[in-house]
Structure formats: C-alpha cells, structure tokens
Amino acid sequence: MVGLKLFRTDATKSGVTEVTPRLAEAEADVQGLVEANMETLLGVRFLASEYGTGPVHGGRIDSLGLDENGSPVIVEYKRGVDAGVINQGLFYLSWLVDHRAEFEHLVRDRLGVTAASQVRWSGPRLICIAGDFTRYDVHAVREHRRSIDLVRYRLFGSDLLGLETVASVSGGTRVARQARRQAVARAAVGVQAASMVELASAVDEALLGLGDGVNRVERKQYRAYQRLRNFACVCPPQRSKLLVYLKVDPKDVDLVPGFTRDVSGLGHHGTGDLEVQLRTPRDVERAQDLFRASYAAA
C-alpha cells in the first residue's frame, strides 16, 4: 500500500492523473468510515462503538463486532503510526474474554438470540487499523497466541479507500503445513473413504498455499479459510463429494452443472454464493482459478 500508485484514467485526453494517497484528518474519520461499512470491508457485523469497559478497567473499546464465523472482534484505530495500538487492543481483548456473558448479551440485543447462541470463544480477534506499522509491530504480532490482523489504510482522493493486510496470525500454536494436512486426514479416517480423505487434504493444501496470510478457522459445520475475511468455506466430506463455498459472484462464472452452482439466497453452512462440488483431484485442479479469484476478492 505504501508503494502503491493509483492513477485516474481520462479516455478523452488519453492521459492519466495520479491520485495522491493521504491519511485521514483524524482517527475518528477512519473509525466512522469503517463502522458504517464494517461488514463490507472486514466481514464483521457491527455491534457497538466506544464501548465502555466499566469503572475498574477504565477504558473504551473503539469498535465491537462479530465476524462471519461467530468470533468476537475488537477493532482499534490509529490515524498514523502508534506503537501502543497492539498492546491496547490486547488489553481490551483480555477484558472481553473475561466478560463473555456481557458480550453475548450485547449480541443478543443487536443481532438476535440465534447469533448469540453461536458465538465462538475459541478464537476472539483483534483487528488494528492504522496509517502504518513498524517492523517491531509485525514481529510482536507473530509472537502472540491471539488472532490479530494488522491492516494499513490509505485514502485516495475524496472517495477511495485502500486497505492492506500487513500481518495476520490465527490464535493457537502454529504447526507445519504437512502436520496440518495429516490432521485433516486423521479427522476424516474411519468416516470417509480414502479418496475423500485425499481430496480434503488436497483442497486444504491448495487453499493454504494461496498466500502467507491465510488463516484456517475450525467450526463444527465447516472449515473457513480467512484472509481478514472468509474467502472459502469447506464442509465435511460427503460420501462422494466435497462442497466448497467461495466469495465469487456466480454471475461472473460460467456455471457447469455438477461442478459449480449459484447458491445465493439458499441456506448452507459457511459463507459464499458460489458452490463448487469436488469429486476427484482433477476437479481440484479445475477449481484453482476460482480459489485464486476468491482469495483476491478477500
């Protein structure tokens, strides 16, 4: 983002004009813009702004939300570079984990009983949005066992916003990719045929291999692959196929019966309007371009 140059083309004059990037005038401007469009920008449903943590704790959380997988989310903002944003966010995240009932009550009031019953406490998230981060911030994030995303913003002109994920880590201990593949296979042994085990492992490898910033979130009904937002959700293998849901507009895809399907408006586990049905390793190869398109859109 720092090195990104954006140009506005002018077809009538056959020229281009550079749109100069800038920081917001105030931190509140960034916060207001994100809160008003949180689900579109971050895949997070907005719950509250400047949420008070009580007289003992004595703080105010910039934004509270709930992500696509039911994980509680704290969003902290800084106009420019601020070495304290991560520690401040972690301070609030600890408070949140200790006040689960209060958060679930807030979800129930804003989003309903069903959403409150599906809150997932195994991976609460912290998203820090700032003008920039130092290399020490990036290192610190990778040392924590929390789900943390560092997001750099820039404003371009009067109506363009750019967001760039600088660092993203999922909570828990990191394991080698091969170990993750083996874990996926072991989970399915005794339940699915060997071919489905191999297919699930191949899909896991393909999705994790799309970039360093891919995090995997385990839910009972599906496994989400996340790059700040979900870009793929994989359901448990069926007897003869594996269903993957992608954040790709079905209108932009030449749908193939038995392989791709428009499920916008249809109920299903996970998120995404394009259903991809995988039966063989060849199907995984056919789906690679769709995987990459969904990853890029996230």
Protein backbone atom coordinates (compact mmCIF):
# COMPACT_ATOMS: atom_id res chain seq x y z
CA MET A 1 0.00 0.00 0.00
CA VAL A 2 2.81 2.43 0.83
CA GLY A 3 4.40 1.83 -2.57
CA LEU A 4 1.09 1.59 -4.42
CA LYS A 5 0.41 4.27 -7.01
CA LEU A 6 -3.15 4.91 -8.15
CA PHE A 7 -3.97 6.74 -11.37
CA ARG A 8 -7.26 8.04 -12.74
CA THR A 9 -7.52 7.47 -16.48
CA ASP A 10 -9.02 10.03 -18.81
CA ALA A 11 -10.15 8.38 -22.02
CA THR A 12 -10.97 11.70 -23.71
CA LYS A 13 -7.50 13.16 -23.24
CA SER A 14 -5.64 9.85 -23.42
CA GLY A 15 -3.79 10.60 -20.23
CA VAL A 16 -3.62 9.63 -16.58
CA THR A 17 -3.63 11.64 -13.36
CA GLU A 18 -2.10 10.33 -10.15
CA VAL A 19 -4.43 10.17 -7.15
CA THR A 20 -2.30 11.11 -4.17
CA PRO A 21 -2.68 8.87 -1.09
CA ARG A 22 -3.26 10.53 2.25
CA LEU A 23 -4.04 9.83 5.89
CA ALA A 24 -7.31 10.85 7.48
CA GLU A 25 -7.57 14.20 9.21
CA ALA A 26 -8.49 12.46 12.45
CA GLU A 27 -8.69 8.92 13.84
CA ALA A 28 -12.45 9.33 14.23
CA ASP A 29 -12.80 9.73 10.45
CA VAL A 30 -11.31 6.27 9.86
CA GLN A 31 -13.42 4.77 12.64
CA GLY A 32 -16.64 6.28 11.32
CA LEU A 33 -15.98 5.09 7.78
CA VAL A 34 -15.17 1.53 8.85
CA GLU A 35 -18.05 1.25 11.33
CA ALA A 36 -20.55 2.40 8.70
CA ASN A 37 -19.31 -0.28 6.29
CA MET A 38 -17.82 -2.91 8.58
CA GLU A 39 -19.44 -5.98 7.07
CA THR A 40 -18.40 -4.99 3.54
CA LEU A 41 -14.84 -4.01 4.49
CA LEU A 42 -13.98 -6.60 7.15
CA GLY A 43 -16.66 -9.28 7.01
CA VAL A 44 -17.66 -8.25 10.56
CA ARG A 45 -21.13 -7.33 11.76
CA PHE A 46 -21.01 -4.09 13.74
CA LEU A 47 -22.18 -4.20 17.36
CA ALA A 48 -21.03 -1.10 19.26
CA SER A 49 -18.79 1.96 19.13
CA GLU A 50 -16.72 3.36 22.01
CA TYR A 51 -17.86 0.54 24.26
CA GLY A 52 -17.14 1.28 27.93
CA THR A 53 -15.34 -1.40 29.95
CA GLY A 54 -16.51 -0.15 33.34
CA PRO A 55 -15.00 1.97 36.12
CA VAL A 56 -12.48 -0.66 37.26
CA HIS A 57 -11.00 -1.34 33.85
CA GLY A 58 -11.50 2.27 32.81
CA GLY A 59 -11.33 2.02 29.03
CA ARG A 60 -13.34 2.36 25.84
CA ILE A 61 -13.15 -0.18 23.02
CA ASP A 62 -13.20 1.59 19.66
CA SER A 63 -15.45 -0.95 17.90
CA LEU A 64 -17.01 -4.29 18.78
CA GLY A 65 -18.27 -6.77 16.21
CA LEU A 66 -18.94 -10.39 15.34
CA ASP A 67 -17.26 -11.99 12.34
CA GLU A 68 -18.63 -14.43 9.75
CA ASN A 69 -17.60 -17.42 11.85
CA GLY A 70 -19.12 -16.20 15.12
CA SER A 71 -15.84 -14.94 16.61
CA PRO A 72 -15.93 -11.79 18.76
CA VAL A 73 -13.94 -8.96 17.19
CA ILE A 74 -12.32 -5.84 18.64
CA VAL A 75 -11.26 -3.17 16.14
CA GLU A 76 -8.81 -0.46 17.24
CA TYR A 77 -7.87 2.52 15.05
CA LYS A 78 -4.94 4.90 14.82
CA ARG A 79 -4.60 7.75 12.35
CA GLY A 80 -0.89 7.16 11.77
CA VAL A 81 1.77 5.01 13.44
CA ASP A 82 1.27 4.27 17.11
CA ALA A 83 3.44 1.76 18.95
CA GLY A 84 0.74 1.24 21.58
CA VAL A 85 -2.12 0.08 19.35
CA ILE A 86 -1.38 -3.66 19.67
CA ASN A 87 -0.89 -3.63 23.45
CA GLN A 88 -4.00 -1.50 23.85
CA GLY A 89 -6.00 -3.93 21.75
CA LEU A 90 -4.69 -6.96 23.64
CA PHE A 91 -5.59 -5.24 26.92
CA TYR A 92 -9.19 -4.92 25.71
CA LEU A 93 -9.19 -8.45 24.30
CA SER A 94 -8.32 -9.84 27.74
CA TRP A 95 -11.19 -7.84 29.22
CA LEU A 96 -13.56 -9.20 26.58
CA VAL A 97 -12.65 -12.83 27.27
CA ASP A 98 -13.33 -12.21 30.97
CA HIS A 99 -16.75 -10.68 30.19
CA ARG A 100 -18.26 -13.25 27.86
CA ALA A 101 -21.77 -13.03 29.26
CA GLU A 102 -21.81 -9.26 28.77
CA PHE A 103 -20.70 -9.61 25.15
CA GLU A 104 -23.25 -12.34 24.41
CA HIS A 105 -25.96 -10.13 25.90
CA LEU A 106 -24.87 -7.35 23.54
CA VAL A 107 -25.02 -9.75 20.57
CA ARG A 108 -28.48 -10.90 21.63
CA ASP A 109 -29.73 -7.32 21.79
CA ARG A 110 -28.26 -6.27 18.42
CA LEU A 111 -28.33 -9.44 16.31
CA GLY A 112 -30.78 -11.80 18.00
CA VAL A 113 -30.84 -15.00 20.02
CA THR A 114 -29.53 -17.24 17.23
CA ALA A 115 -26.38 -15.16 16.71
CA ALA A 116 -25.77 -15.06 20.48
CA SER A 117 -26.01 -18.85 20.73
CA GLN A 118 -23.37 -19.26 18.02
CA VAL A 119 -20.65 -17.02 19.49
CA ARG A 120 -17.31 -18.81 19.15
CA TRP A 121 -14.92 -18.10 22.03
CA SER A 122 -12.05 -20.30 20.82
CA GLY A 123 -10.72 -17.54 18.58
CA PRO A 124 -11.62 -13.94 19.56
CA ARG A 125 -9.95 -11.50 17.17
CA LEU A 126 -8.18 -8.16 17.29
CA ILE A 127 -8.05 -6.03 14.14
CA CYS A 128 -5.76 -2.97 14.27
CA ILE A 129 -6.31 -0.41 11.50
CA ALA A 130 -3.67 2.30 11.25
CA GLY A 131 -1.78 4.52 8.85
CA ASP A 132 1.21 2.22 9.19
CA PHE A 133 3.01 -0.27 11.42
CA THR A 134 6.65 -0.79 12.35
CA ARG A 135 8.62 -3.98 11.85
CA TYR A 136 8.50 -4.39 15.63
CA ASP A 137 4.68 -4.43 15.46
CA VAL A 138 4.76 -7.19 12.85
CA HIS A 139 7.23 -9.22 14.93
CA ALA A 140 5.20 -8.74 18.11
CA VAL A 141 2.03 -9.99 16.44
CA ARG A 142 3.74 -13.17 15.28
CA GLU A 143 4.89 -13.90 18.83
CA HIS A 144 1.38 -13.76 20.31
CA ARG A 145 -1.03 -16.66 20.53
CA ARG A 146 -4.00 -14.49 19.66
CA SER A 147 -5.82 -13.90 16.39
CA ILE A 148 -4.52 -10.49 15.29
CA ASP A 149 -4.74 -8.65 11.98
CA LEU A 150 -2.72 -5.53 11.22
CA VAL A 151 -4.40 -3.51 8.47
CA ARG A 152 -2.87 -0.44 6.84
CA TYR A 153 -5.25 2.12 5.34
CA ARG A 154 -4.90 4.95 2.83
CA LEU A 155 -7.40 7.43 1.45
CA PHE A 156 -7.16 8.30 -2.24
CA GLY A 157 -8.81 11.46 -3.47
CA SER A 158 -12.22 12.20 -1.99
CA ASP A 159 -13.94 8.85 -2.48
CA LEU A 160 -11.44 5.96 -2.45
CA LEU A 161 -10.27 3.85 0.48
CA GLY A 162 -7.50 1.26 0.35
CA LEU A 163 -6.94 -1.47 2.95
CA GLU A 164 -3.86 -3.70 3.05
CA THR A 165 -3.25 -6.61 5.43
CA VAL A 166 0.28 -6.13 6.78
CA ALA A 167 0.27 -9.16 9.08
CA SER A 168 -2.30 -11.75 10.04
CA VAL A 169 -1.99 -14.57 12.56
CA SER A 170 -4.53 -17.01 13.91
CA GLY A 171 -4.74 -17.91 17.57
CA GLY A 172 -3.06 -21.02 18.93
CA THR A 173 0.21 -22.72 18.22
CA ARG A 174 1.40 -22.71 14.63
CA VAL A 175 2.08 -26.08 13.08
CA ALA A 176 3.81 -27.08 9.91
CA ARG A 177 1.68 -27.34 6.79
CA GLN A 178 2.39 -31.06 6.45
CA ALA A 179 1.18 -31.60 10.01
CA ARG A 180 -1.99 -29.68 9.17
CA ARG A 181 -2.57 -31.91 6.17
CA GLN A 182 -2.13 -35.00 8.34
CA ALA A 183 -4.56 -33.61 10.90
CA VAL A 184 -7.18 -33.10 8.22
CA ALA A 185 -6.71 -36.66 7.00
CA ARG A 186 -6.84 -38.15 10.51
CA ALA A 187 -10.06 -36.31 11.27
CA ALA A 188 -11.75 -37.99 8.34
CA VAL A 189 -10.32 -41.52 8.73
CA GLY A 190 -12.98 -44.04 9.65
CA VAL A 191 -15.73 -41.75 8.44
CA GLN A 192 -14.98 -41.17 4.77
CA ALA A 193 -13.44 -43.25 2.02
CA ALA A 194 -9.71 -42.92 1.43
CA SER A 195 -10.33 -40.96 -1.79
CA MET A 196 -12.32 -38.32 0.12
CA VAL A 197 -9.55 -38.06 2.73
CA GLU A 198 -7.02 -37.37 -0.01
CA LEU A 199 -9.37 -34.90 -1.68
CA ALA A 200 -9.88 -32.97 1.56
CA SER A 201 -6.11 -32.84 2.09
CA ALA A 202 -5.54 -31.58 -1.45
CA VAL A 203 -8.08 -28.79 -1.02
CA ASP A 204 -6.58 -27.82 2.33
CA GLU A 205 -3.13 -27.63 0.75
CA ALA A 206 -4.40 -25.61 -2.21
CA LEU A 207 -6.22 -23.02 -0.09
CA LEU A 208 -3.45 -22.61 2.49
CA GLY A 209 -0.93 -22.29 -0.34
CA LEU A 210 -2.60 -19.23 -1.84
CA GLY A 211 -0.67 -16.88 0.45
CA ASP A 212 1.18 -16.45 3.75
CA GLY A 213 -1.71 -14.55 5.30
CA VAL A 214 -4.24 -17.39 5.12
CA ASN A 215 -5.70 -18.48 8.44
CA ARG A 216 -7.89 -21.54 8.95
CA VAL A 217 -10.85 -21.40 11.34
CA GLU A 218 -12.47 -24.62 12.52
CA ARG A 219 -16.22 -24.71 13.00
CA LYS A 220 -18.41 -27.73 13.64
CA GLN A 221 -20.26 -27.35 10.33
CA TYR A 222 -17.38 -26.16 8.14
CA ARG A 223 -13.75 -25.09 7.95
CA ALA A 224 -13.22 -21.43 6.94
CA TYR A 225 -10.15 -20.12 5.15
CA GLN A 226 -9.68 -16.48 6.01
CA ARG A 227 -7.71 -13.54 4.72
CA LEU A 228 -9.10 -10.89 7.06
CA ARG A 229 -12.46 -12.03 5.63
CA ASN A 230 -13.55 -15.56 4.72
CA PHE A 231 -12.77 -16.43 1.13
CA ALA A 232 -13.54 -20.16 1.24
CA CYS A 233 -15.59 -22.49 3.43
CA VAL A 234 -15.19 -26.27 3.15
CA CYS A 235 -17.86 -28.57 4.51
CA PRO A 236 -17.05 -32.05 5.88
CA PRO A 237 -16.66 -34.60 3.05
CA GLN A 238 -19.79 -36.40 1.92
CA ARG A 239 -19.72 -39.94 0.61
CA SER A 240 -18.75 -38.97 -2.93
CA LYS A 241 -18.09 -35.22 -2.99
CA LEU A 242 -16.68 -32.25 -1.15
CA LEU A 243 -18.53 -28.92 -1.12
CA VAL A 244 -16.58 -25.64 -1.13
CA TYR A 245 -18.25 -22.23 -0.90
CA LEU A 246 -16.39 -19.26 -2.38
CA LYS A 247 -16.76 -15.47 -2.27
CA VAL A 248 -17.11 -15.27 -6.05
CA ASP A 249 -20.10 -13.69 -7.79
CA PRO A 250 -21.84 -16.57 -9.62
CA LYS A 251 -22.82 -14.11 -12.35
CA ASP A 252 -19.14 -13.81 -13.27
CA VAL A 253 -18.73 -17.58 -13.70
CA ASP A 254 -19.79 -19.91 -16.49
CA LEU A 255 -21.66 -22.36 -14.29
CA VAL A 256 -21.15 -26.03 -15.05
CA PRO A 257 -23.85 -28.45 -13.82
CA GLY A 258 -22.42 -30.89 -11.31
CA PHE A 259 -19.38 -28.68 -10.68
CA THR A 260 -20.44 -25.10 -9.89
CA ARG A 261 -23.77 -23.77 -8.61
CA ASP A 262 -25.27 -20.40 -7.69
CA VAL A 263 -26.44 -20.68 -4.06
CA SER A 264 -27.14 -17.00 -3.43
CA GLY A 265 -30.33 -16.88 -1.39
CA LEU A 266 -30.08 -20.58 -0.49
CA GLY A 267 -29.28 -21.70 3.03
CA HIS A 268 -25.99 -23.52 3.55
CA HIS A 269 -23.16 -23.77 6.07
CA GLY A 270 -20.30 -21.32 5.70
CA THR A 271 -20.25 -18.16 3.60
CA GLY A 272 -20.07 -17.56 -0.13
CA ASP A 273 -22.56 -17.57 -3.03
CA LEU A 274 -20.67 -19.93 -5.33
CA GLU A 275 -20.78 -23.65 -4.53
CA VAL A 276 -18.04 -25.83 -6.01
CA GLN A 277 -18.57 -29.59 -5.99
CA LEU A 278 -15.34 -31.60 -5.93
CA ARG A 279 -15.27 -35.34 -6.61
CA THR A 280 -11.78 -36.03 -7.98
CA PRO A 281 -8.28 -34.49 -7.85
CA ARG A 282 -8.94 -33.22 -11.37
CA ASP A 283 -11.85 -31.17 -10.00
CA VAL A 284 -9.43 -29.54 -7.54
CA GLU A 285 -7.25 -28.51 -10.47
CA ARG A 286 -10.30 -27.17 -12.33
CA ALA A 287 -11.21 -25.10 -9.27
CA GLN A 288 -7.79 -23.44 -8.85
CA ASP A 289 -8.74 -20.29 -10.78
CA LEU A 290 -11.91 -19.95 -8.71
CA PHE A 291 -9.90 -20.38 -5.49
CA ARG A 292 -7.50 -17.64 -6.60
CA ALA A 293 -10.33 -15.30 -7.60
CA SER A 294 -11.99 -15.68 -4.21
CA TYR A 295 -8.67 -15.17 -2.41
CA ALA A 296 -8.02 -11.98 -4.41
CA ALA A 297 -11.50 -10.65 -3.67
CA ALA A 298 -10.91 -11.07 0.07
